[in-house]
Amino acid sequence: LVTSLVQHESIQTTWPKAKEAQRMAEKLITLAKRNNTT
């Protein structure tokens, strides 16, 4: 789900899946803002 979100910037799914994928997507953007090898 998160891979599709980064690729298309908008996805439709069920409410529980969207809420859980949201947590992972937020973490992914935080990783991008750190911008280091790790």
PDB file of all heavy atoms in Angstrom:
ATOM      1  N   LEU A   1       0.825  -1.207   0.000  1.00  0.00           N
ATOM      2  CA  LEU A   1       0.000   0.000   0.000  1.00  0.00           C
ATOM      3  C   LEU A   1       0.861   1.260   0.000  1.00  0.00           C
ATOM      4  O   LEU A   1       0.582   2.215  -0.738  1.00  0.00           O
ATOM      5  CB  LEU A   1      -0.931  -0.007   1.216  1.00  0.00           C
ATOM      6  CG  LEU A   1      -2.065  -1.031   1.210  1.00  0.00           C
ATOM      7  CD1 LEU A   1      -2.810  -1.005   2.549  1.00  0.00           C
ATOM      8  CD2 LEU A   1      -3.040  -0.765   0.067  1.00  0.00           C
ATOM      9  N   VAL A   2       1.901   1.268   0.811  1.00  0.00           N
ATOM     10  CA  VAL A   2       2.760   2.454   0.908  1.00  0.00           C
ATOM     11  C   VAL A   2       3.554   2.649  -0.384  1.00  0.00           C
ATOM     12  O   VAL A   2       3.753   3.784  -0.838  1.00  0.00           O
ATOM     13  CB  VAL A   2       3.701   2.339   2.127  1.00  0.00           C
ATOM     14  CG1 VAL A   2       4.743   3.441   2.110  1.00  0.00           C
ATOM     15  CG2 VAL A   2       2.891   2.400   3.411  1.00  0.00           C
ATOM     16  N   THR A   3       3.987   1.560  -0.996  1.00  0.00           N
ATOM     17  CA  THR A   3       4.670   1.665  -2.289  1.00  0.00           C
ATOM     18  C   THR A   3       3.752   2.296  -3.330  1.00  0.00           C
ATOM     19  O   THR A   3       4.162   3.188  -4.084  1.00  0.00           O
ATOM     20  CB  THR A   3       5.132   0.276  -2.771  1.00  0.00           C
ATOM     21  OG1 THR A   3       6.060  -0.274  -1.822  1.00  0.00           O
ATOM     22  CG2 THR A   3       5.816   0.365  -4.128  1.00  0.00           C
ATOM     23  N   SER A   4       2.497   1.856  -3.367  1.00  0.00           N
ATOM     24  CA  SER A   4       1.528   2.435  -4.307  1.00  0.00           C
ATOM     25  C   SER A   4       1.259   3.897  -3.982  1.00  0.00           C
ATOM     26  O   SER A   4       1.077   4.720  -4.891  1.00  0.00           O
ATOM     27  CB  SER A   4       0.214   1.644  -4.264  1.00  0.00           C
ATOM     28  OG  SER A   4       0.405   0.317  -4.697  1.00  0.00           O
ATOM     29  N   LEU A   5       1.237   4.241  -2.692  1.00  0.00           N
ATOM     30  CA  LEU A   5       0.993   5.629  -2.291  1.00  0.00           C
ATOM     31  C   LEU A   5       2.123   6.536  -2.782  1.00  0.00           C
ATOM     32  O   LEU A   5       1.867   7.623  -3.319  1.00  0.00           O
ATOM     33  CB  LEU A   5       0.863   5.723  -0.770  1.00  0.00           C
ATOM     34  CG  LEU A   5       0.670   7.126  -0.210  1.00  0.00           C
ATOM     35  CD1 LEU A   5      -0.643   7.733  -0.702  1.00  0.00           C
ATOM     36  CD2 LEU A   5       0.701   7.104   1.319  1.00  0.00           C
ATOM     37  N   VAL A   6       3.372   6.114  -2.589  1.00  0.00           N
ATOM     38  CA  VAL A   6       4.506   6.924  -3.046  1.00  0.00           C
ATOM     39  C   VAL A   6       4.482   7.060  -4.563  1.00  0.00           C
ATOM     40  O   VAL A   6       4.784   8.126  -5.110  1.00  0.00           O
ATOM     41  CB  VAL A   6       5.833   6.305  -2.574  1.00  0.00           C
ATOM     42  CG1 VAL A   6       7.023   7.049  -3.170  1.00  0.00           C
ATOM     43  CG2 VAL A   6       5.921   6.320  -1.052  1.00  0.00           C
ATOM     44  N   GLN A   7       4.076   6.012  -5.252  1.00  0.00           N
ATOM     45  CA  GLN A   7       4.063   6.029  -6.707  1.00  0.00           C
ATOM     46  C   GLN A   7       2.947   6.897  -7.269  1.00  0.00           C
ATOM     47  O   GLN A   7       3.158   7.685  -8.190  1.00  0.00           O
ATOM     48  CB  GLN A   7       3.924   4.602  -7.235  1.00  0.00           C
ATOM     49  CG  GLN A   7       4.020   4.483  -8.754  1.00  0.00           C
ATOM     50  CD  GLN A   7       4.022   3.041  -9.210  1.00  0.00           C
ATOM     51  OE1 GLN A   7       3.804   2.121  -8.422  1.00  0.00           O
ATOM     52  NE2 GLN A   7       4.265   2.835 -10.489  1.00  0.00           N
ATOM     53  N   HIS A   8       1.724   6.776  -6.689  1.00  0.00           N
ATOM     54  CA  HIS A   8       0.555   7.458  -7.249  1.00  0.00           C
ATOM     55  C   HIS A   8       0.073   8.647  -6.415  1.00  0.00           C
ATOM     56  O   HIS A   8      -0.771   9.418  -6.874  1.00  0.00           O
ATOM     57  CB  HIS A   8      -0.595   6.459  -7.406  1.00  0.00           C
ATOM     58  CG  HIS A   8      -0.253   5.278  -8.257  1.00  0.00           C
ATOM     59  ND1 HIS A   8      -0.020   5.378  -9.606  1.00  0.00           N
ATOM     60  CD2 HIS A   8      -0.070   3.962  -7.936  1.00  0.00           C
ATOM     61  CE1 HIS A   8       0.266   4.176 -10.108  1.00  0.00           C
ATOM     62  NE2 HIS A   8       0.246   3.311  -9.111  1.00  0.00           N
ATOM     63  N   GLU A   9       0.524   8.764  -5.161  1.00  0.00           N
ATOM     64  CA  GLU A   9       0.188   9.850  -4.228  1.00  0.00           C
ATOM     65  C   GLU A   9      -1.254   9.814  -3.738  1.00  0.00           C
ATOM     66  O   GLU A   9      -1.654  10.660  -2.951  1.00  0.00           O
ATOM     67  CB  GLU A   9       0.512  11.222  -4.829  1.00  0.00           C
ATOM     68  CG  GLU A   9       1.978  11.369  -5.171  1.00  0.00           C
ATOM     69  CD  GLU A   9       2.481  12.794  -5.084  1.00  0.00           C
ATOM     70  OE1 GLU A   9       1.780  13.638  -4.509  1.00  0.00           O
ATOM     71  OE2 GLU A   9       3.586  13.045  -5.567  1.00  0.00           O
ATOM     72  N   SER A  10      -2.055   8.882  -4.184  1.00  0.00           N
ATOM     73  CA  SER A  10      -3.416   8.727  -3.692  1.00  0.00           C
ATOM     74  C   SER A  10      -3.882   7.309  -3.984  1.00  0.00           C
ATOM     75  O   SER A  10      -3.769   6.846  -5.116  1.00  0.00           O
ATOM     76  CB  SER A  10      -4.351   9.732  -4.366  1.00  0.00           C
ATOM     77  OG  SER A  10      -5.682   9.558  -3.911  1.00  0.00           O
ATOM     78  N   ILE A  11      -4.373   6.617  -2.953  1.00  0.00           N
ATOM     79  CA  ILE A  11      -4.868   5.251  -3.139  1.00  0.00           C
ATOM     80  C   ILE A  11      -6.187   5.100  -2.395  1.00  0.00           C
ATOM     81  O   ILE A  11      -6.465   5.816  -1.429  1.00  0.00           O
ATOM     82  CB  ILE A  11      -3.867   4.191  -2.627  1.00  0.00           C
ATOM     83  CG1 ILE A  11      -3.573   4.386  -1.138  1.00  0.00           C
ATOM     84  CG2 ILE A  11      -2.602   4.198  -3.449  1.00  0.00           C
ATOM     85  CD1 ILE A  11      -2.727   3.284  -0.533  1.00  0.00           C
ATOM     86  N   GLN A  12      -7.020   4.179  -2.852  1.00  0.00           N
ATOM     87  CA  GLN A  12      -8.278   3.873  -2.186  1.00  0.00           C
ATOM     88  C   GLN A  12      -8.225   2.449  -1.657  1.00  0.00           C
ATOM     89  O   GLN A  12      -7.853   1.524  -2.371  1.00  0.00           O
ATOM     90  CB  GLN A  12      -9.471   4.025  -3.128  1.00  0.00           C
ATOM     91  CG  GLN A  12     -10.815   3.819  -2.437  1.00  0.00           C
ATOM     92  CD  GLN A  12     -11.998   4.129  -3.330  1.00  0.00           C
ATOM     93  OE1 GLN A  12     -11.866   4.165  -4.537  1.00  0.00           O
ATOM     94  NE2 GLN A  12     -13.152   4.351  -2.735  1.00  0.00           N
ATOM     95  N   THR A  13      -8.592   2.286  -0.408  1.00  0.00           N
ATOM     96  CA  THR A  13      -8.601   0.976   0.225  1.00  0.00           C
ATOM     97  C   THR A  13      -9.634   1.009   1.352  1.00  0.00           C
ATOM     98  O   THR A  13     -10.424   1.942   1.436  1.00  0.00           O
ATOM     99  CB  THR A  13      -7.198   0.612   0.747  1.00  0.00           C
ATOM    100  OG1 THR A  13      -7.215  -0.693   1.313  1.00  0.00           O
ATOM    101  CG2 THR A  13      -6.706   1.607   1.781  1.00  0.00           C
ATOM    102  N   THR A  14      -9.629   0.004   2.213  1.00  0.00           N
ATOM    103  CA  THR A  14     -10.563   0.033   3.335  1.00  0.00           C
ATOM    104  C   THR A  14     -10.036   0.973   4.420  1.00  0.00           C
ATOM    105  O   THR A  14      -8.839   1.266   4.484  1.00  0.00           O
ATOM    106  CB  THR A  14     -10.769  -1.372   3.920  1.00  0.00           C
ATOM    107  OG1 THR A  14      -9.519  -1.857   4.434  1.00  0.00           O
ATOM    108  CG2 THR A  14     -11.302  -2.329   2.868  1.00  0.00           C
ATOM    109  N   TRP A  15     -10.943   1.418   5.277  1.00  0.00           N
ATOM    110  CA  TRP A  15     -10.571   2.365   6.340  1.00  0.00           C
ATOM    111  C   TRP A  15      -9.489   1.801   7.275  1.00  0.00           C
ATOM    112  O   TRP A  15      -8.487   2.486   7.526  1.00  0.00           O
ATOM    113  CB  TRP A  15     -11.820   2.761   7.111  1.00  0.00           C
ATOM    114  CG  TRP A  15     -11.581   3.511   8.378  1.00  0.00           C
ATOM    115  CD1 TRP A  15     -11.582   3.025   9.647  1.00  0.00           C
ATOM    116  CD2 TRP A  15     -11.277   4.907   8.510  1.00  0.00           C
ATOM    117  NE1 TRP A  15     -11.325   4.013  10.552  1.00  0.00           N
ATOM    118  CE2 TRP A  15     -11.136   5.170   9.887  1.00  0.00           C
ATOM    119  CE3 TRP A  15     -11.139   5.948   7.598  1.00  0.00           C
ATOM    120  CZ2 TRP A  15     -10.844   6.443  10.371  1.00  0.00           C
ATOM    121  CZ3 TRP A  15     -10.853   7.212   8.076  1.00  0.00           C
ATOM    122  CH2 TRP A  15     -10.707   7.457   9.445  1.00  0.00           C
ATOM    123  N   PRO A  16      -9.614   0.574   7.796  1.00  0.00           N
ATOM    124  CA  PRO A  16      -8.563   0.062   8.689  1.00  0.00           C
ATOM    125  C   PRO A  16      -7.201  -0.051   7.997  1.00  0.00           C
ATOM    126  O   PRO A  16      -6.168   0.292   8.586  1.00  0.00           O
ATOM    127  CB  PRO A  16      -9.086  -1.318   9.117  1.00  0.00           C
ATOM    128  CG  PRO A  16     -10.559  -1.252   8.908  1.00  0.00           C
ATOM    129  CD  PRO A  16     -10.751  -0.374   7.722  1.00  0.00           C
ATOM    130  N   LYS A  17      -7.179  -0.494   6.748  1.00  0.00           N
ATOM    131  CA  LYS A  17      -5.914  -0.607   6.018  1.00  0.00           C
ATOM    132  C   LYS A  17      -5.303   0.767   5.790  1.00  0.00           C
ATOM    133  O   LYS A  17      -4.080   0.947   5.904  1.00  0.00           O
ATOM    134  CB  LYS A  17      -6.129  -1.309   4.677  1.00  0.00           C
ATOM    135  CG  LYS A  17      -6.463  -2.791   4.778  1.00  0.00           C
ATOM    136  CD  LYS A  17      -6.720  -3.364   3.401  1.00  0.00           C
ATOM    137  CE  LYS A  17      -7.200  -4.806   3.481  1.00  0.00           C
ATOM    138  NZ  LYS A  17      -7.549  -5.346   2.150  1.00  0.00           N
ATOM    139  N   ALA A  18      -6.144   1.749   5.464  1.00  0.00           N
ATOM    140  CA  ALA A  18      -5.647   3.107   5.231  1.00  0.00           C
ATOM    141  C   ALA A  18      -5.014   3.685   6.495  1.00  0.00           C
ATOM    142  O   ALA A  18      -3.960   4.325   6.436  1.00  0.00           O
ATOM    143  CB  ALA A  18      -6.782   4.005   4.744  1.00  0.00           C
ATOM    144  N   LYS A  19      -5.634   3.465   7.649  1.00  0.00           N
ATOM    145  CA  LYS A  19      -5.107   4.006   8.907  1.00  0.00           C
ATOM    146  C   LYS A  19      -3.773   3.360   9.276  1.00  0.00           C
ATOM    147  O   LYS A  19      -2.867   4.029   9.780  1.00  0.00           O
ATOM    148  CB  LYS A  19      -6.126   3.803  10.030  1.00  0.00           C
ATOM    149  CG  LYS A  19      -7.400   4.622   9.882  1.00  0.00           C
ATOM    150  CD  LYS A  19      -7.120   6.112   9.843  1.00  0.00           C
ATOM    151  CE  LYS A  19      -6.676   6.651  11.187  1.00  0.00           C
ATOM    152  NZ  LYS A  19      -6.493   8.126  11.152  1.00  0.00           N
ATOM    153  N   GLU A  20      -3.633   2.062   9.027  1.00  0.00           N
ATOM    154  CA  GLU A  20      -2.374   1.399   9.330  1.00  0.00           C
ATOM    155  C   GLU A  20      -1.287   1.770   8.326  1.00  0.00           C
ATOM    156  O   GLU A  20      -0.134   1.977   8.699  1.00  0.00           O
ATOM    157  CB  GLU A  20      -2.572  -0.124   9.356  1.00  0.00           C
ATOM    158  CG  GLU A  20      -3.342  -0.612  10.566  1.00  0.00           C
ATOM    159  CD  GLU A  20      -2.684  -0.205  11.876  1.00  0.00           C
ATOM    160  OE1 GLU A  20      -1.486  -0.487  12.065  1.00  0.00           O
ATOM    161  OE2 GLU A  20      -3.368   0.405  12.718  1.00  0.00           O
ATOM    162  N   ALA A  21      -1.659   1.867   7.043  1.00  0.00           N
ATOM    163  CA  ALA A  21      -0.681   2.271   6.029  1.00  0.00           C
ATOM    164  C   ALA A  21      -0.233   3.712   6.257  1.00  0.00           C
ATOM    165  O   ALA A  21       0.913   4.069   5.955  1.00  0.00           O
ATOM    166  CB  ALA A  21      -1.280   2.113   4.639  1.00  0.00           C
ATOM    167  N   GLN A  22      -1.108   4.533   6.817  1.00  0.00           N
ATOM    168  CA  GLN A  22      -0.765   5.921   7.098  1.00  0.00           C
ATOM    169  C   GLN A  22       0.397   6.012   8.076  1.00  0.00           C
ATOM    170  O   GLN A  22       1.300   6.829   7.909  1.00  0.00           O
ATOM    171  CB  GLN A  22      -1.981   6.656   7.654  1.00  0.00           C
ATOM    172  CG  GLN A  22      -1.743   8.125   7.927  1.00  0.00           C
ATOM    173  CD  GLN A  22      -2.953   8.821   8.516  1.00  0.00           C
ATOM    174  OE1 GLN A  22      -3.725   8.221   9.270  1.00  0.00           O
ATOM    175  NE2 GLN A  22      -3.163  10.071   8.167  1.00  0.00           N
ATOM    176  N   ARG A  23       0.395   5.151   9.066  1.00  0.00           N
ATOM    177  CA  ARG A  23       1.484   5.167  10.054  1.00  0.00           C
ATOM    178  C   ARG A  23       2.823   4.861   9.391  1.00  0.00           C
ATOM    179  O   ARG A  23       3.839   5.507   9.668  1.00  0.00           O
ATOM    180  CB  ARG A  23       1.189   4.147  11.156  1.00  0.00           C
ATOM    181  CG  ARG A  23      -0.068   4.442  11.944  1.00  0.00           C
ATOM    182  CD  ARG A  23      -0.479   3.295  12.837  1.00  0.00           C
ATOM    183  NE  ARG A  23       0.500   3.023  13.877  1.00  0.00           N
ATOM    184  CZ  ARG A  23       0.339   2.110  14.834  1.00  0.00           C
ATOM    185  NH1 ARG A  23      -0.773   1.386  14.870  1.00  0.00           N
ATOM    186  NH2 ARG A  23       1.259   1.929  15.743  1.00  0.00           N
ATOM    187  N   MET A  24       2.836   3.869   8.489  1.00  0.00           N
ATOM    188  CA  MET A  24       4.075   3.511   7.802  1.00  0.00           C
ATOM    189  C   MET A  24       4.504   4.609   6.832  1.00  0.00           C
ATOM    190  O   MET A  24       5.705   4.895   6.694  1.00  0.00           O
ATOM    191  CB  MET A  24       3.902   2.183   7.065  1.00  0.00           C
ATOM    192  CG  MET A  24       5.176   1.667   6.418  1.00  0.00           C
ATOM    193  SD  MET A  24       4.990   0.046   5.623  1.00  0.00           S
ATOM    194  CE  MET A  24       4.900  -1.014   7.075  1.00  0.00           C
ATOM    195  N   ALA A  25       3.535   5.248   6.176  1.00  0.00           N
ATOM    196  CA  ALA A  25       3.857   6.320   5.231  1.00  0.00           C
ATOM    197  C   ALA A  25       4.459   7.530   5.954  1.00  0.00           C
ATOM    198  O   ALA A  25       5.404   8.158   5.458  1.00  0.00           O
ATOM    199  CB  ALA A  25       2.603   6.727   4.461  1.00  0.00           C
ATOM    200  N   GLU A  26       3.921   7.856   7.124  1.00  0.00           N
ATOM    201  CA  GLU A  26       4.477   8.965   7.908  1.00  0.00           C
ATOM    202  C   GLU A  26       5.921   8.674   8.311  1.00  0.00           C
ATOM    203  O   GLU A  26       6.792   9.544   8.254  1.00  0.00           O
ATOM    204  CB  GLU A  26       3.610   9.196   9.147  1.00  0.00           C
ATOM    205  CG  GLU A  26       2.178   9.645   8.867  1.00  0.00           C
ATOM    206  CD  GLU A  26       2.057  11.133   8.631  1.00  0.00           C
ATOM    207  OE1 GLU A  26       2.935  11.885   9.091  1.00  0.00           O
ATOM    208  OE2 GLU A  26       1.083  11.559   7.987  1.00  0.00           O
ATOM    209  N   LYS A  27       6.167   7.433   8.701  1.00  0.00           N
ATOM    210  CA  LYS A  27       7.535   7.031   9.074  1.00  0.00           C
ATOM    211  C   LYS A  27       8.470   7.139   7.878  1.00  0.00           C
ATOM    212  O   LYS A  27       9.623   7.555   8.007  1.00  0.00           O
ATOM    213  CB  LYS A  27       7.514   5.592   9.595  1.00  0.00           C
ATOM    214  CG  LYS A  27       8.882   5.022   9.911  1.00  0.00           C
ATOM    215  CD  LYS A  27       8.778   3.572  10.357  1.00  0.00           C
ATOM    216  CE  LYS A  27      10.164   2.973  10.583  1.00  0.00           C
ATOM    217  NZ  LYS A  27      10.082   1.534  10.975  1.00  0.00           N
ATOM    218  N   LEU A  28       7.968   6.790   6.692  1.00  0.00           N
ATOM    219  CA  LEU A  28       8.792   6.832   5.487  1.00  0.00           C
ATOM    220  C   LEU A  28       9.208   8.260   5.155  1.00  0.00           C
ATOM    221  O   LEU A  28      10.365   8.505   4.775  1.00  0.00           O
ATOM    222  CB  LEU A  28       8.005   6.215   4.324  1.00  0.00           C
ATOM    223  CG  LEU A  28       8.779   5.868   3.051  1.00  0.00           C
ATOM    224  CD1 LEU A  28       9.820   4.804   3.340  1.00  0.00           C
ATOM    225  CD2 LEU A  28       7.833   5.384   1.972  1.00  0.00           C
ATOM    226  N   ILE A  29       8.282   9.212   5.301  1.00  0.00           N
ATOM    227  CA  ILE A  29       8.626  10.615   5.028  1.00  0.00           C
ATOM    228  C   ILE A  29       9.638  11.121   6.059  1.00  0.00           C
ATOM    229  O   ILE A  29      10.546  11.887   5.728  1.00  0.00           O
ATOM    230  CB  ILE A  29       7.364  11.494   5.025  1.00  0.00           C
ATOM    231  CG1 ILE A  29       6.420  11.073   3.898  1.00  0.00           C
ATOM    232  CG2 ILE A  29       7.736  12.960   4.865  1.00  0.00           C
ATOM    233  CD1 ILE A  29       7.007  11.198   2.508  1.00  0.00           C
ATOM    234  N   THR A  30       9.499  10.682   7.308  1.00  0.00           N
ATOM    235  CA  THR A  30      10.472  11.066   8.332  1.00  0.00           C
ATOM    236  C   THR A  30      11.860  10.561   7.976  1.00  0.00           C
ATOM    237  O   THR A  30      12.865  11.271   8.152  1.00  0.00           O
ATOM    238  CB  THR A  30      10.049  10.509   9.705  1.00  0.00           C
ATOM    239  OG1 THR A  30       8.747  11.015  10.042  1.00  0.00           O
ATOM    240  CG2 THR A  30      11.033  10.917  10.792  1.00  0.00           C
ATOM    241  N   LEU A  31      11.938   9.344   7.460  1.00  0.00           N
ATOM    242  CA  LEU A  31      13.226   8.800   7.008  1.00  0.00           C
ATOM    243  C   LEU A  31      13.791   9.635   5.865  1.00  0.00           C
ATOM    244  O   LEU A  31      14.993   9.912   5.818  1.00  0.00           O
ATOM    245  CB  LEU A  31      13.055   7.345   6.554  1.00  0.00           C
ATOM    246  CG  LEU A  31      12.733   6.317   7.639  1.00  0.00           C
ATOM    247  CD1 LEU A  31      12.427   4.961   7.007  1.00  0.00           C
ATOM    248  CD2 LEU A  31      13.895   6.177   8.623  1.00  0.00           C
ATOM    249  N   ALA A  32      12.923  10.046   4.944  1.00  0.00           N
ATOM    250  CA  ALA A  32      13.379  10.852   3.805  1.00  0.00           C
ATOM    251  C   ALA A  32      13.929  12.196   4.271  1.00  0.00           C
ATOM    252  O   ALA A  32      14.917  12.703   3.719  1.00  0.00           O
ATOM    253  CB  ALA A  32      12.228  11.060   2.822  1.00  0.00           C
ATOM    254  N   LYS A  33      13.328  12.794   5.289  1.00  0.00           N
ATOM    255  CA  LYS A  33      13.778  14.099   5.776  1.00  0.00           C
ATOM    256  C   LYS A  33      15.134  14.000   6.467  1.00  0.00           C
ATOM    257  O   LYS A  33      15.890  14.973   6.479  1.00  0.00           O
ATOM    258  CB  LYS A  33      12.731  14.689   6.724  1.00  0.00           C
ATOM    259  CG  LYS A  33      11.441  15.098   6.004  1.00  0.00           C
ATOM    260  CD  LYS A  33      10.373  15.560   6.966  1.00  0.00           C
ATOM    261  CE  LYS A  33      10.731  16.865   7.625  1.00  0.00           C
ATOM    262  NZ  LYS A  33       9.634  17.387   8.467  1.00  0.00           N
ATOM    263  N   ARG A  34      15.459  12.828   7.027  1.00  0.00           N
ATOM    264  CA  ARG A  34      16.782  12.648   7.634  1.00  0.00           C
ATOM    265  C   ARG A  34      17.864  12.603   6.564  1.00  0.00           C
ATOM    266  O   ARG A  34      18.973  13.080   6.779  1.00  0.00           O
ATOM    267  CB  ARG A  34      16.797  11.366   8.470  1.00  0.00           C
ATOM    268  CG  ARG A  34      15.925  11.443   9.709  1.00  0.00           C
ATOM    269  CD  ARG A  34      15.900  10.125  10.444  1.00  0.00           C
ATOM    270  NE  ARG A  34      14.981  10.155  11.579  1.00  0.00           N
ATOM    271  CZ  ARG A  34      14.604   9.083  12.255  1.00  0.00           C
ATOM    272  NH1 ARG A  34      15.073   7.877  11.916  1.00  0.00           N
ATOM    273  NH2 ARG A  34      13.751   9.203  13.270  1.00  0.00           N
ATOM    274  N   ASN A  35      17.571  11.959   5.451  1.00  0.00           N
ATOM    275  CA  ASN A  35      18.428  11.984   4.270  1.00  0.00           C
ATOM    276  C   ASN A  35      19.872  11.547   4.558  1.00  0.00           C
ATOM    277  O   ASN A  35      20.829  12.277   4.264  1.00  0.00           O
ATOM    278  CB  ASN A  35      18.412  13.379   3.638  1.00  0.00           C
ATOM    279  CG  ASN A  35      18.971  13.365   2.227  1.00  0.00           C
ATOM    280  OD1 ASN A  35      18.917  12.361   1.536  1.00  0.00           O
ATOM    281  ND2 ASN A  35      19.524  14.492   1.799  1.00  0.00           N
ATOM    282  N   ASN A  36      20.027  10.380   5.159  1.00  0.00           N
ATOM    283  CA  ASN A  36      21.363   9.822   5.349  1.00  0.00           C
ATOM    284  C   ASN A  36      21.371   8.366   4.895  1.00  0.00           C
ATOM    285  O   ASN A  36      20.352   7.814   4.484  1.00  0.00           O
ATOM    286  CB  ASN A  36      21.808   9.949   6.814  1.00  0.00           C
ATOM    287  CG  ASN A  36      20.805   9.355   7.786  1.00  0.00           C
ATOM    288  OD1 ASN A  36      20.206   8.314   7.528  1.00  0.00           O
ATOM    289  ND2 ASN A  36      20.610  10.029   8.920  1.00  0.00           N
ATOM    290  N   THR A  37      22.522   7.729   4.972  1.00  0.00           N
ATOM    291  CA  THR A  37      22.657   6.358   4.484  1.00  0.00           C
ATOM    292  C   THR A  37      21.762   5.404   5.244  1.00  0.00           C
ATOM    293  O   THR A  37      21.121   4.516   4.657  1.00  0.00           O
ATOM    294  CB  THR A  37      24.121   5.899   4.603  1.00  0.00           C
ATOM    295  OG1 THR A  37      24.955   6.816   3.888  1.00  0.00           O
ATOM    296  CG2 THR A  37      24.294   4.509   4.013  1.00  0.00           C
ATOM    297  N   THR A  38      21.677   5.568   6.560  1.00  0.00           N
ATOM    298  CA  THR A  38      20.845   4.679   7.378  1.00  0.00           C
ATOM    299  C   THR A  38      19.378   4.794   7.005  1.00  0.00           C
ATOM    300  O   THR A  38      18.670   3.790   6.880  1.00  0.00           O
ATOM    301  CB  THR A  38      21.022   5.017   8.870  1.00  0.00           C
ATOM    302  OG1 THR A  38      22.405   4.929   9.224  1.00  0.00           O
ATOM    303  CG2 THR A  38      20.217   4.052   9.735  1.00  0.00           C
TER     304      THR A  38
END
